[in-house]
PDB file of N, CA and C in Angstrom:
ATOM      1  N   MET A   1       6.023  16.607  33.587  1.00  0.00           N
ATOM      2  CA  MET A   1       4.867  15.779  33.336  1.00  0.00           C
ATOM      3  C   MET A   1       4.072  16.368  32.175  1.00  0.00           C
ATOM      4  N   MET A   2       3.705  15.519  31.226  1.00  0.00           N
ATOM      5  CA  MET A   2       3.003  16.019  30.044  1.00  0.00           C
ATOM      6  C   MET A   2       1.537  16.315  30.345  1.00  0.00           C
ATOM      7  N   GLN A   3       1.030  17.280  29.610  1.00  0.00           N
ATOM      8  CA  GLN A   3      -0.393  17.588  29.693  1.00  0.00           C
ATOM      9  C   GLN A   3      -1.115  16.606  28.772  1.00  0.00           C
ATOM     10  N   LYS A   4      -2.084  15.893  29.297  1.00  0.00           N
ATOM     11  CA  LYS A   4      -2.774  14.853  28.541  1.00  0.00           C
ATOM     12  C   LYS A   4      -4.044  15.425  27.926  1.00  0.00           C
ATOM     13  N   PRO A   5      -4.130  15.395  26.594  1.00  0.00           N
ATOM     14  CA  PRO A   5      -5.329  15.931  25.945  1.00  0.00           C
ATOM     15  C   PRO A   5      -6.544  15.048  26.202  1.00  0.00           C
ATOM     16  N   SER A   6      -7.706  15.663  26.217  1.00  0.00           N
ATOM     17  CA  SER A   6      -8.952  14.917  26.423  1.00  0.00           C
ATOM     18  C   SER A   6      -9.679  14.661  25.105  1.00  0.00           C
ATOM     19  N   GLN A   7      -9.169  15.242  24.015  1.00  0.00           N
ATOM     20  CA  GLN A   7      -9.780  15.017  22.713  1.00  0.00           C
ATOM     21  C   GLN A   7      -8.786  15.316  21.606  1.00  0.00           C
ATOM     22  N   VAL A   8      -9.081  14.772  20.430  1.00  0.00           N
ATOM     23  CA  VAL A   8      -8.316  15.064  19.227  1.00  0.00           C
ATOM     24  C   VAL A   8      -9.320  15.147  18.083  1.00  0.00           C
ATOM     25  N   VAL A   9      -9.152  16.125  17.205  1.00  0.00           N
ATOM     26  CA  VAL A   9     -10.055  16.300  16.079  1.00  0.00           C
ATOM     27  C   VAL A   9      -9.368  15.759  14.830  1.00  0.00           C
ATOM     28  N   VAL A  10     -10.040  14.839  14.156  1.00  0.00           N
ATOM     29  CA  VAL A  10      -9.529  14.233  12.925  1.00  0.00           C
ATOM     30  C   VAL A  10     -10.610  14.374  11.856  1.00  0.00           C
ATOM     31  N   GLY A  11     -10.321  15.149  10.828  1.00  0.00           N
ATOM     32  CA  GLY A  11     -11.275  15.309   9.736  1.00  0.00           C
ATOM     33  C   GLY A  11     -12.625  15.837  10.164  1.00  0.00           C
ATOM     34  N   GLY A  12     -12.644  16.688  11.163  1.00  0.00           N
ATOM     35  CA  GLY A  12     -13.893  17.260  11.647  1.00  0.00           C
ATOM     36  C   GLY A  12     -14.606  16.421  12.693  1.00  0.00           C
ATOM     37  N   LEU A  13     -14.108  15.213  12.959  1.00  0.00           N
ATOM     38  CA  LEU A  13     -14.686  14.368  14.007  1.00  0.00           C
ATOM     39  C   LEU A  13     -13.893  14.546  15.296  1.00  0.00           C
ATOM     40  N   THR A  14     -14.580  14.739  16.385  1.00  0.00           N
ATOM     41  CA  THR A  14     -13.925  14.880  17.682  1.00  0.00           C
ATOM     42  C   THR A  14     -13.891  13.529  18.373  1.00  0.00           C
ATOM     43  N   TRP A  15     -12.686  13.041  18.610  1.00  0.00           N
ATOM     44  CA  TRP A  15     -12.462  11.770  19.298  1.00  0.00           C
ATOM     45  C   TRP A  15     -12.127  12.069  20.749  1.00  0.00           C
ATOM     46  N   ARG A  16     -12.813  11.403  21.682  1.00  0.00           N
ATOM     47  CA  ARG A  16     -12.469  11.528  23.101  1.00  0.00           C
ATOM     48  C   ARG A  16     -11.192  10.735  23.353  1.00  0.00           C
ATOM     49  N   VAL A  17     -10.325  11.275  24.191  1.00  0.00           N
ATOM     50  CA  VAL A  17      -9.111  10.560  24.593  1.00  0.00           C
ATOM     51  C   VAL A  17      -9.220  10.293  26.087  1.00  0.00           C
ATOM     52  N   LEU A  18      -9.240   9.019  26.439  1.00  0.00           N
ATOM     53  CA  LEU A  18      -9.335   8.603  27.836  1.00  0.00           C
ATOM     54  C   LEU A  18      -8.014   7.984  28.259  1.00  0.00           C
ATOM     55  N   TRP A  19      -7.574   8.332  29.435  1.00  0.00           N
ATOM     56  CA  TRP A  19      -6.326   7.814  29.993  1.00  0.00           C
ATOM     57  C   TRP A  19      -6.706   6.900  31.144  1.00  0.00           C
ATOM     58  N   ASP A  20      -6.682   5.588  30.905  1.00  0.00           N
ATOM     59  CA  ASP A  20      -7.144   4.669  31.936  1.00  0.00           C
ATOM     60  C   ASP A  20      -6.446   3.316  31.839  1.00  0.00           C
ATOM     61  N   ASP A  21      -6.676   2.487  32.849  1.00  0.00           N
ATOM     62  CA  ASP A  21      -6.063   1.163  32.898  1.00  0.00           C
ATOM     63  C   ASP A  21      -6.716   0.190  31.931  1.00  0.00           C
ATOM     64  N   GLY A  22      -7.954   0.421  31.542  1.00  0.00           N
ATOM     65  CA  GLY A  22      -8.679  -0.511  30.697  1.00  0.00           C
ATOM     66  C   GLY A  22      -8.183  -0.579  29.269  1.00  0.00           C
ATOM     67  N   ALA A  23      -7.262   0.290  28.891  1.00  0.00           N
ATOM     68  CA  ALA A  23      -6.774   0.309  27.516  1.00  0.00           C
ATOM     69  C   ALA A  23      -5.807  -0.827  27.226  1.00  0.00           C
ATOM     70  N   ALA A  24      -5.163  -1.338  28.233  1.00  0.00           N
ATOM     71  CA  ALA A  24      -4.156  -2.384  28.041  1.00  0.00           C
ATOM     72  C   ALA A  24      -4.808  -3.755  28.152  1.00  0.00           C
ATOM     73  N   ASN A  25      -4.166  -4.723  27.516  1.00  0.00           N
ATOM     74  CA  ASN A  25      -4.634  -6.093  27.655  1.00  0.00           C
ATOM     75  C   ASN A  25      -3.453  -7.060  27.571  1.00  0.00           C
ATOM     76  N   ASP A  26      -3.732  -8.339  27.564  1.00  0.00           N
ATOM     77  CA  ASP A  26      -2.673  -9.346  27.584  1.00  0.00           C
ATOM     78  C   ASP A  26      -1.949  -9.500  26.255  1.00  0.00           C
ATOM     79  N   ASN A  27      -2.396  -8.802  25.221  1.00  0.00           N
ATOM     80  CA  ASN A  27      -1.768  -8.913  23.899  1.00  0.00           C
ATOM     81  C   ASN A  27      -0.754  -7.807  23.646  1.00  0.00           C
ATOM     82  N   ASP A  28      -0.203  -7.234  24.685  1.00  0.00           N
ATOM     83  CA  ASP A  28       0.771  -6.142  24.583  1.00  0.00           C
ATOM     84  C   ASP A  28       0.193  -4.893  23.925  1.00  0.00           C
ATOM     85  N   ASN A  29      -1.104  -4.679  24.076  1.00  0.00           N
ATOM     86  CA  ASN A  29      -1.713  -3.446  23.599  1.00  0.00           C
ATOM     87  C   ASN A  29      -1.574  -2.395  24.681  1.00  0.00           C
ATOM     88  N   PHE A  30      -1.197  -1.189  24.262  1.00  0.00           N
ATOM     89  CA  PHE A  30      -1.043  -0.083  25.198  1.00  0.00           C
ATOM     90  C   PHE A  30      -2.165   0.931  25.045  1.00  0.00           C
ATOM     91  N   GLY A  31      -2.993   0.745  24.000  1.00  0.00           N
ATOM     92  CA  GLY A  31      -4.107   1.638  23.747  1.00  0.00           C
ATOM     93  C   GLY A  31      -5.128   0.967  22.862  1.00  0.00           C
ATOM     94  N   GLN A  32      -6.264   1.642  22.686  1.00  0.00           N
ATOM     95  CA  GLN A  32      -7.352   1.123  21.855  1.00  0.00           C
ATOM     96  C   GLN A  32      -8.068   2.288  21.178  1.00  0.00           C
ATOM     97  N   THR A  33      -8.576   2.013  19.984  1.00  0.00           N
ATOM     98  CA  THR A  33      -9.399   2.984  19.270  1.00  0.00           C
ATOM     99  C   THR A  33     -10.748   2.346  18.998  1.00  0.00           C
ATOM    100  N   ALA A  34     -11.814   2.992  19.441  1.00  0.00           N
ATOM    101  CA  ALA A  34     -13.178   2.503  19.217  1.00  0.00           C
ATOM    102  C   ALA A  34     -13.849   3.422  18.200  1.00  0.00           C
ATOM    103  N   HIS A  35     -14.027   2.915  16.989  1.00  0.00           N
ATOM    104  CA  HIS A  35     -14.548   3.740  15.906  1.00  0.00           C
ATOM    105  C   HIS A  35     -15.995   4.164  16.109  1.00  0.00           C
ATOM    106  N   LEU A  36     -16.818   3.276  16.613  1.00  0.00           N
ATOM    107  CA  LEU A  36     -18.238   3.605  16.751  1.00  0.00           C
ATOM    108  C   LEU A  36     -18.494   4.696  17.786  1.00  0.00           C
ATOM    109  N   SER A  37     -17.722   4.680  18.856  1.00  0.00           N
ATOM    110  CA  SER A  37     -17.911   5.698  19.899  1.00  0.00           C
ATOM    111  C   SER A  37     -16.925   6.862  19.775  1.00  0.00           C
ATOM    112  N   LEU A  38     -16.071   6.820  18.760  1.00  0.00           N
ATOM    113  CA  LEU A  38     -15.048   7.858  18.552  1.00  0.00           C
ATOM    114  C   LEU A  38     -14.250   8.091  19.841  1.00  0.00           C
ATOM    115  N   THR A  39     -13.707   6.998  20.353  1.00  0.00           N
ATOM    116  CA  THR A  39     -12.963   7.053  21.609  1.00  0.00           C
ATOM    117  C   THR A  39     -11.594   6.408  21.446  1.00  0.00           C
ATOM    118  N   ILE A  40     -10.595   7.078  21.967  1.00  0.00           N
ATOM    119  CA  ILE A  40      -9.235   6.548  22.034  1.00  0.00           C
ATOM    120  C   ILE A  40      -8.904   6.380  23.504  1.00  0.00           C
ATOM    121  N   ARG A  41      -8.426   5.194  23.867  1.00  0.00           N
ATOM    122  CA  ARG A  41      -8.039   4.931  25.260  1.00  0.00           C
ATOM    123  C   ARG A  41      -6.547   4.635  25.295  1.00  0.00           C
ATOM    124  N   ILE A  42      -5.875   5.250  26.251  1.00  0.00           N
ATOM    125  CA  ILE A  42      -4.432   5.082  26.422  1.00  0.00           C
ATOM    126  C   ILE A  42      -4.178   4.617  27.851  1.00  0.00           C
ATOM    127  N   GLY A  43      -3.345   3.585  27.996  1.00  0.00           N
ATOM    128  CA  GLY A  43      -2.977   3.115  29.334  1.00  0.00           C
ATOM    129  C   GLY A  43      -2.266   4.207  30.110  1.00  0.00           C
ATOM    130  N   LYS A  44      -2.761   4.505  31.286  1.00  0.00           N
ATOM    131  CA  LYS A  44      -2.231   5.650  32.050  1.00  0.00           C
ATOM    132  C   LYS A  44      -0.999   5.324  32.883  1.00  0.00           C
ATOM    133  N   ASP A  45      -0.685   4.056  33.058  1.00  0.00           N
ATOM    134  CA  ASP A  45       0.407   3.691  33.956  1.00  0.00           C
ATOM    135  C   ASP A  45       1.730   3.411  33.242  1.00  0.00           C
ATOM    136  N   TYR A  46       1.801   3.715  31.962  1.00  0.00           N
ATOM    137  CA  TYR A  46       3.038   3.505  31.212  1.00  0.00           C
ATOM    138  C   TYR A  46       3.917   4.742  31.278  1.00  0.00           C
ATOM    139  N   ALA A  47       5.166   4.566  30.898  1.00  0.00           N
ATOM    140  CA  ALA A  47       6.098   5.701  30.845  1.00  0.00           C
ATOM    141  C   ALA A  47       5.545   6.749  29.876  1.00  0.00           C
ATOM    142  N   GLU A  48       5.875   8.009  30.137  1.00  0.00           N
ATOM    143  CA  GLU A  48       5.368   9.120  29.339  1.00  0.00           C
ATOM    144  C   GLU A  48       5.656   8.932  27.844  1.00  0.00           C
ATOM    145  N   GLN A  49       6.864   8.517  27.500  1.00  0.00           N
ATOM    146  CA  GLN A  49       7.214   8.324  26.087  1.00  0.00           C
ATOM    147  C   GLN A  49       6.335   7.246  25.447  1.00  0.00           C
ATOM    148  N   LYS A  50       6.054   6.166  26.180  1.00  0.00           N
ATOM    149  CA  LYS A  50       5.197   5.089  25.665  1.00  0.00           C
ATOM    150  C   LYS A  50       3.775   5.598  25.468  1.00  0.00           C
ATOM    151  N   GLN A  51       3.304   6.445  26.368  1.00  0.00           N
ATOM    152  CA  GLN A  51       1.970   7.022  26.216  1.00  0.00           C
ATOM    153  C   GLN A  51       1.903   7.895  24.963  1.00  0.00           C
ATOM    154  N   LYS A  52       2.939   8.686  24.714  1.00  0.00           N
ATOM    155  CA  LYS A  52       2.963   9.541  23.527  1.00  0.00           C
ATOM    156  C   LYS A  52       2.986   8.704  22.254  1.00  0.00           C
ATOM    157  N   GLN A  53       3.838   7.689  22.229  1.00  0.00           N
ATOM    158  CA  GLN A  53       3.907   6.813  21.062  1.00  0.00           C
ATOM    159  C   GLN A  53       2.562   6.126  20.824  1.00  0.00           C
ATOM    160  N   THR A  54       1.945   5.688  21.893  1.00  0.00           N
ATOM    161  CA  THR A  54       0.658   4.989  21.781  1.00  0.00           C
ATOM    162  C   THR A  54      -0.428   5.936  21.285  1.00  0.00           C
ATOM    163  N   LEU A  55      -0.455   7.152  21.793  1.00  0.00           N
ATOM    164  CA  LEU A  55      -1.438   8.125  21.319  1.00  0.00           C
ATOM    165  C   LEU A  55      -1.243   8.377  19.829  1.00  0.00           C
ATOM    166  N   PHE A  56       0.000   8.540  19.398  1.00  0.00           N
ATOM    167  CA  PHE A  56       0.286   8.762  17.981  1.00  0.00           C
ATOM    168  C   PHE A  56      -0.223   7.577  17.156  1.00  0.00           C
ATOM    169  N   HIS A  57       0.032   6.368  17.630  1.00  0.00           N
ATOM    170  CA  HIS A  57      -0.409   5.143  16.970  1.00  0.00           C
ATOM    171  C   HIS A  57      -1.935   5.111  16.849  1.00  0.00           C
ATOM    172  N   GLU A  58      -2.619   5.421  17.942  1.00  0.00           N
ATOM    173  CA  GLU A  58      -4.084   5.386  17.935  1.00  0.00           C
ATOM    174  C   GLU A  58      -4.667   6.491  17.061  1.00  0.00           C
ATOM    175  N   ILE A  59      -4.003   7.629  16.973  1.00  0.00           N
ATOM    176  CA  ILE A  59      -4.453   8.701  16.079  1.00  0.00           C
ATOM    177  C   ILE A  59      -4.365   8.236  14.629  1.00  0.00           C
ATOM    178  N   ILE A  60      -3.344   7.454  14.294  1.00  0.00           N
ATOM    179  CA  ILE A  60      -3.256   6.912  12.932  1.00  0.00           C
ATOM    180  C   ILE A  60      -4.444   5.992  12.653  1.00  0.00           C
ATOM    181  N   HIS A  61      -4.853   5.192  13.640  1.00  0.00           N
ATOM    182  CA  HIS A  61      -6.068   4.388  13.470  1.00  0.00           C
ATOM    183  C   HIS A  61      -7.278   5.297  13.214  1.00  0.00           C
ATOM    184  N   ALA A  62      -7.383   6.389  13.958  1.00  0.00           N
ATOM    185  CA  ALA A  62      -8.505   7.330  13.788  1.00  0.00           C
ATOM    186  C   ALA A  62      -8.456   7.975  12.406  1.00  0.00           C
ATOM    187  N   ILE A  63      -7.273   8.341  11.944  1.00  0.00           N
ATOM    188  CA  ILE A  63      -7.119   8.915  10.603  1.00  0.00           C
ATOM    189  C   ILE A  63      -7.548   7.900   9.555  1.00  0.00           C
ATOM    190  N   ASP A  64      -7.109   6.662   9.717  1.00  0.00           N
ATOM    191  CA  ASP A  64      -7.479   5.606   8.780  1.00  0.00           C
ATOM    192  C   ASP A  64      -8.993   5.441   8.717  1.00  0.00           C
ATOM    193  N   TYR A  65      -9.638   5.415   9.866  1.00  0.00           N
ATOM    194  CA  TYR A  65     -11.093   5.268   9.917  1.00  0.00           C
ATOM    195  C   TYR A  65     -11.783   6.467   9.260  1.00  0.00           C
ATOM    196  N   THR A  66     -11.310   7.660   9.558  1.00  0.00           N
ATOM    197  CA  THR A  66     -11.959   8.884   9.100  1.00  0.00           C
ATOM    198  C   THR A  66     -11.796   9.113   7.599  1.00  0.00           C
ATOM    199  N   TYR A  67     -10.620   8.846   7.071  1.00  0.00           N
ATOM    200  CA  TYR A  67     -10.337   9.174   5.677  1.00  0.00           C
ATOM    201  C   TYR A  67     -10.368   7.975   4.734  1.00  0.00           C
ATOM    202  N   ARG A  68     -10.638   6.809   5.227  1.00  0.00           N
ATOM    203  CA  ARG A  68     -10.667   5.609   4.395  1.00  0.00           C
ATOM    204  C   ARG A  68     -11.709   5.756   3.292  1.00  0.00           C
ATOM    205  N   THR A  69     -11.320   5.368   2.079  1.00  0.00           N
ATOM    206  CA  THR A  69     -12.236   5.475   0.946  1.00  0.00           C
ATOM    207  C   THR A  69     -12.775   4.112   0.510  1.00  0.00           C
ATOM    208  N   SER A  70     -12.353   3.052   1.179  1.00  0.00           N
ATOM    209  CA  SER A  70     -12.872   1.722   0.889  1.00  0.00           C
ATOM    210  C   SER A  70     -13.048   0.980   2.211  1.00  0.00           C
ATOM    211  N   LYS A  71     -13.541  -0.231   2.146  1.00  0.00           N
ATOM    212  CA  LYS A  71     -13.726  -1.011   3.368  1.00  0.00           C
ATOM    213  C   LYS A  71     -12.406  -1.573   3.886  1.00  0.00           C
ATOM    214  N   GLN A  72     -11.376  -1.497   3.066  1.00  0.00           N
ATOM    215  CA  GLN A  72     -10.052  -1.988   3.443  1.00  0.00           C
ATOM    216  C   GLN A  72      -9.395  -0.987   4.393  1.00  0.00           C
ATOM    217  N   CYS A  73      -8.959  -1.451   5.541  1.00  0.00           N
ATOM    218  CA  CYS A  73      -8.278  -0.567   6.475  1.00  0.00           C
ATOM    219  C   CYS A  73      -6.804  -0.950   6.559  1.00  0.00           C
ATOM    220  N   LEU A  74      -6.019  -0.052   7.120  1.00  0.00           N
ATOM    221  CA  LEU A  74      -4.607  -0.354   7.333  1.00  0.00           C
ATOM    222  C   LEU A  74      -4.488  -1.533   8.293  1.00  0.00           C
ATOM    223  N   SER A  75      -3.526  -2.391   8.044  1.00  0.00           N
ATOM    224  CA  SER A  75      -3.267  -3.498   8.964  1.00  0.00           C
ATOM    225  C   SER A  75      -2.589  -2.953  10.218  1.00  0.00           C
ATOM    226  N   GLU A  76      -2.599  -3.728  11.273  1.00  0.00           N
ATOM    227  CA  GLU A  76      -1.928  -3.316  12.507  1.00  0.00           C
ATOM    228  C   GLU A  76      -0.433  -3.115  12.251  1.00  0.00           C
ATOM    229  N   GLU A  77       0.160  -3.932  11.404  1.00  0.00           N
ATOM    230  CA  GLU A  77       1.585  -3.787  11.070  1.00  0.00           C
ATOM    231  C   GLU A  77       1.845  -2.473  10.339  1.00  0.00           C
ATOM    232  N   GLN A  78       0.938  -2.094   9.442  1.00  0.00           N
ATOM    233  CA  GLN A  78       1.096  -0.817   8.740  1.00  0.00           C
ATOM    234  C   GLN A  78       0.965   0.354   9.709  1.00  0.00           C
ATOM    235  N   VAL A  79       0.001   0.289  10.609  1.00  0.00           N
ATOM    236  CA  VAL A  79      -0.173   1.359  11.595  1.00  0.00           C
ATOM    237  C   VAL A  79       1.062   1.448  12.489  1.00  0.00           C
ATOM    238  N   LYS A  80       1.583   0.300  12.929  1.00  0.00           N
ATOM    239  CA  LYS A  80       2.807   0.299  13.744  1.00  0.00           C
ATOM    240  C   LYS A  80       3.961   0.930  12.982  1.00  0.00           C
ATOM    241  N   PHE A  81       4.122   0.544  11.718  1.00  0.00           N
ATOM    242  CA  PHE A  81       5.211   1.092  10.900  1.00  0.00           C
ATOM    243  C   PHE A  81       5.101   2.605  10.791  1.00  0.00           C
ATOM    244  N   TYR A  82       3.935   3.108  10.349  1.00  0.00           N
ATOM    245  CA  TYR A  82       3.775   4.552  10.194  1.00  0.00           C
ATOM    246  C   TYR A  82       3.846   5.273  11.532  1.00  0.00           C
ATOM    247  N   GLY A  83       3.250   4.708  12.553  1.00  0.00           N
ATOM    248  CA  GLY A  83       3.287   5.340  13.871  1.00  0.00           C
ATOM    249  C   GLY A  83       4.693   5.475  14.402  1.00  0.00           C
ATOM    250  N   MET A  84       5.450   4.382  14.363  1.00  0.00           N
ATOM    251  CA  MET A  84       6.812   4.412  14.911  1.00  0.00           C
ATOM    252  C   MET A  84       7.732   5.298  14.075  1.00  0.00           C
ATOM    253  N   THR A  85       7.661   5.174  12.752  1.00  0.00           N
ATOM    254  CA  THR A  85       8.596   5.925  11.919  1.00  0.00           C
ATOM    255  C   THR A  85       8.277   7.417  11.893  1.00  0.00           C
ATOM    256  N   LEU A  86       6.999   7.779  11.795  1.00  0.00           N
ATOM    257  CA  LEU A  86       6.649   9.199  11.802  1.00  0.00           C
ATOM    258  C   LEU A  86       6.949   9.839  13.152  1.00  0.00           C
ATOM    259  N   TYR A  87       6.578   9.156  14.237  1.00  0.00           N
ATOM    260  CA  TYR A  87       6.843   9.680  15.581  1.00  0.00           C
ATOM    261  C   TYR A  87       8.347   9.886  15.778  1.00  0.00           C
ATOM    262  N   ASP A  88       9.138   8.875  15.443  1.00  0.00           N
ATOM    263  CA  ASP A  88      10.584   8.955  15.618  1.00  0.00           C
ATOM    264  C   ASP A  88      11.185  10.066  14.752  1.00  0.00           C
ATOM    265  N   THR A  89      10.738  10.182  13.512  1.00  0.00           N
ATOM    266  CA  THR A  89      11.263  11.204  12.614  1.00  0.00           C
ATOM    267  C   THR A  89      10.962  12.606  13.137  1.00  0.00           C
ATOM    268  N   LEU A  90       9.727  12.832  13.600  1.00  0.00           N
ATOM    269  CA  LEU A  90       9.372  14.152  14.132  1.00  0.00           C
ATOM    270  C   LEU A  90      10.130  14.464  15.422  1.00  0.00           C
ATOM    271  N   ARG A  91      10.330  13.450  16.277  1.00  0.00           N
ATOM    272  CA  ARG A  91      11.069  13.660  17.533  1.00  0.00           C
ATOM    273  C   ARG A  91      12.543  13.983  17.262  1.00  0.00           C
ATOM    274  N   ARG A  92      13.136  13.345  16.271  1.00  0.00           N
ATOM    275  CA  ARG A  92      14.556  13.562  15.960  1.00  0.00           C
ATOM    276  C   ARG A  92      14.795  14.838  15.146  1.00  0.00           C
ATOM    277  N   ASN A  93      13.730  15.403  14.613  1.00  0.00           N
ATOM    278  CA  ASN A  93      13.840  16.593  13.771  1.00  0.00           C
ATOM    279  C   ASN A  93      12.848  17.661  14.225  1.00  0.00           C
ATOM    280  N   PRO A  94      13.060  18.214  15.423  1.00  0.00           N
ATOM    281  CA  PRO A  94      12.077  19.164  15.957  1.00  0.00           C
ATOM    282  C   PRO A  94      11.893  20.404  15.084  1.00  0.00           C
ATOM    283  N   GLU A  95      12.939  20.804  14.355  1.00  0.00           N
ATOM    284  CA  GLU A  95      12.790  21.975  13.484  1.00  0.00           C
ATOM    285  C   GLU A  95      11.819  21.677  12.338  1.00  0.00           C
ATOM    286  N   ILE A  96      11.825  20.457  11.847  1.00  0.00           N
ATOM    287  CA  ILE A  96      10.880  20.057  10.806  1.00  0.00           C
ATOM    288  C   ILE A  96       9.465  19.987  11.402  1.00  0.00           C
ATOM    289  N   ALA A  97       9.340  19.410  12.595  1.00  0.00           N
ATOM    290  CA  ALA A  97       8.036  19.327  13.253  1.00  0.00           C
ATOM    291  C   ALA A  97       7.463  20.729  13.476  1.00  0.00           C
ATOM    292  N   ARG A  98       8.297  21.668  13.951  1.00  0.00           N
ATOM    293  CA  ARG A  98       7.826  23.045  14.176  1.00  0.00           C
ATOM    294  C   ARG A  98       7.369  23.677  12.868  1.00  0.00           C
ATOM    295  N   MET A  99       8.156  23.484  11.798  1.00  0.00           N
ATOM    296  CA  MET A  99       7.809  24.054  10.503  1.00  0.00           C
ATOM    297  C   MET A  99       6.502  23.453   9.993  1.00  0.00           C
ATOM    298  N   LEU A 100       6.360  22.140  10.087  1.00  0.00           N
ATOM    299  CA  LEU A 100       5.148  21.483   9.608  1.00  0.00           C
ATOM    300  C   LEU A 100       3.919  21.879  10.414  1.00  0.00           C
ATOM    301  N   LEU A 101       4.098  22.115  11.700  1.00  0.00           N
ATOM    302  CA  LEU A 101       2.971  22.399  12.577  1.00  0.00           C
ATOM    303  C   LEU A 101       2.695  23.887  12.767  1.00  0.00           C
ATOM    304  N   SER A 102       3.504  24.750  12.139  1.00  0.00           N
ATOM    305  CA  SER A 102       3.260  26.185  12.262  1.00  0.00           C
ATOM    306  C   SER A 102       1.981  26.540  11.513  1.00  0.00           C
ATOM    307  N   GLU A 103       1.357  27.605  11.923  1.00  0.00           N
ATOM    308  CA  GLU A 103       0.087  28.032  11.329  1.00  0.00           C
ATOM    309  C   GLU A 103       0.289  28.338   9.853  1.00  0.00           C
ATOM    310  N   ASP A 104      -0.502  27.704   9.023  1.00  0.00           N
ATOM    311  CA  ASP A 104      -0.463  27.902   7.581  1.00  0.00           C
ATOM    312  C   ASP A 104      -1.792  28.509   7.180  1.00  0.00           C
ATOM    313  N   THR A 105      -1.774  29.783   6.849  1.00  0.00           N
ATOM    314  CA  THR A 105      -3.029  30.476   6.570  1.00  0.00           C
ATOM    315  C   THR A 105      -3.663  30.050   5.252  1.00  0.00           C
ATOM    316  N   SER A 106      -2.918  29.350   4.397  1.00  0.00           N
ATOM    317  CA  SER A 106      -3.494  28.921   3.122  1.00  0.00           C
ATOM    318  C   SER A 106      -4.221  27.583   3.248  1.00  0.00           C
ATOM    319  N   PHE A 107      -4.123  26.939   4.414  1.00  0.00           N
ATOM    320  CA  PHE A 107      -4.748  25.631   4.621  1.00  0.00           C
ATOM    321  C   PHE A 107      -5.805  25.769   5.702  1.00  0.00           C
ATOM    322  N   PRO A 108      -7.035  25.301   5.460  1.00  0.00           N
ATOM    323  CA  PRO A 108      -8.080  25.443   6.487  1.00  0.00           C
ATOM    324  C   PRO A 108      -7.727  24.680   7.755  1.00  0.00           C
ATOM    325  N   SER A 109      -7.774  25.344   8.877  1.00  0.00           N
ATOM    326  CA  SER A 109      -7.387  24.723  10.150  1.00  0.00           C
ATOM    327  C   SER A 109      -8.516  23.950  10.782  1.00  0.00           C
ATOM    328  N   GLY A 110      -9.736  24.199  10.371  1.00  0.00           N
ATOM    329  CA  GLY A 110     -10.878  23.529  10.984  1.00  0.00           C
ATOM    330  C   GLY A 110     -11.395  24.289  12.189  1.00  0.00           C
ATOM    331  N   LYS A 111     -10.701  25.347  12.602  1.00  0.00           N
ATOM    332  CA  LYS A 111     -11.109  26.109  13.785  1.00  0.00           C
ATOM    333  C   LYS A 111     -12.371  26.915  13.540  1.00  0.00           C
ATOM    334  N   ASP A 112     -12.626  27.250  12.253  1.00  0.00           N
ATOM    335  CA  ASP A 112     -13.768  28.091  11.929  1.00  0.00           C
ATOM    336  C   ASP A 112     -15.012  27.295  11.592  1.00  0.00           C
ATOM    337  N   THR A 113     -14.935  25.979  11.616  1.00  0.00           N
ATOM    338  CA  THR A 113     -16.092  25.167  11.228  1.00  0.00           C
ATOM    339  C   THR A 113     -16.932  24.788  12.413  1.00  0.00           C
TER     340      THR A 113
END
């Protein structure tokens, strides 16, 4: 059973991660991102892999909100594309994921801020 994080930090902003039934709706949504409250909600009753994919997808929404330089945001199709392809690529290439996620002392981690 995976350990479910209660927060994720994106660009210095701390987003709460809630695991609840209210994240799903009739439009085949498995999660939601609320920009004003900095909250990500993930449906808790889905398979573990679906929860991970959904969290990754919602984090991309949070990244888009945090780093956007114009009023134009990524479309849902773009978020789905990047979420699915990046998640799948990292899962199929764990050695690349480990290398990318290893501590890099030349890049600020945000831990000291």
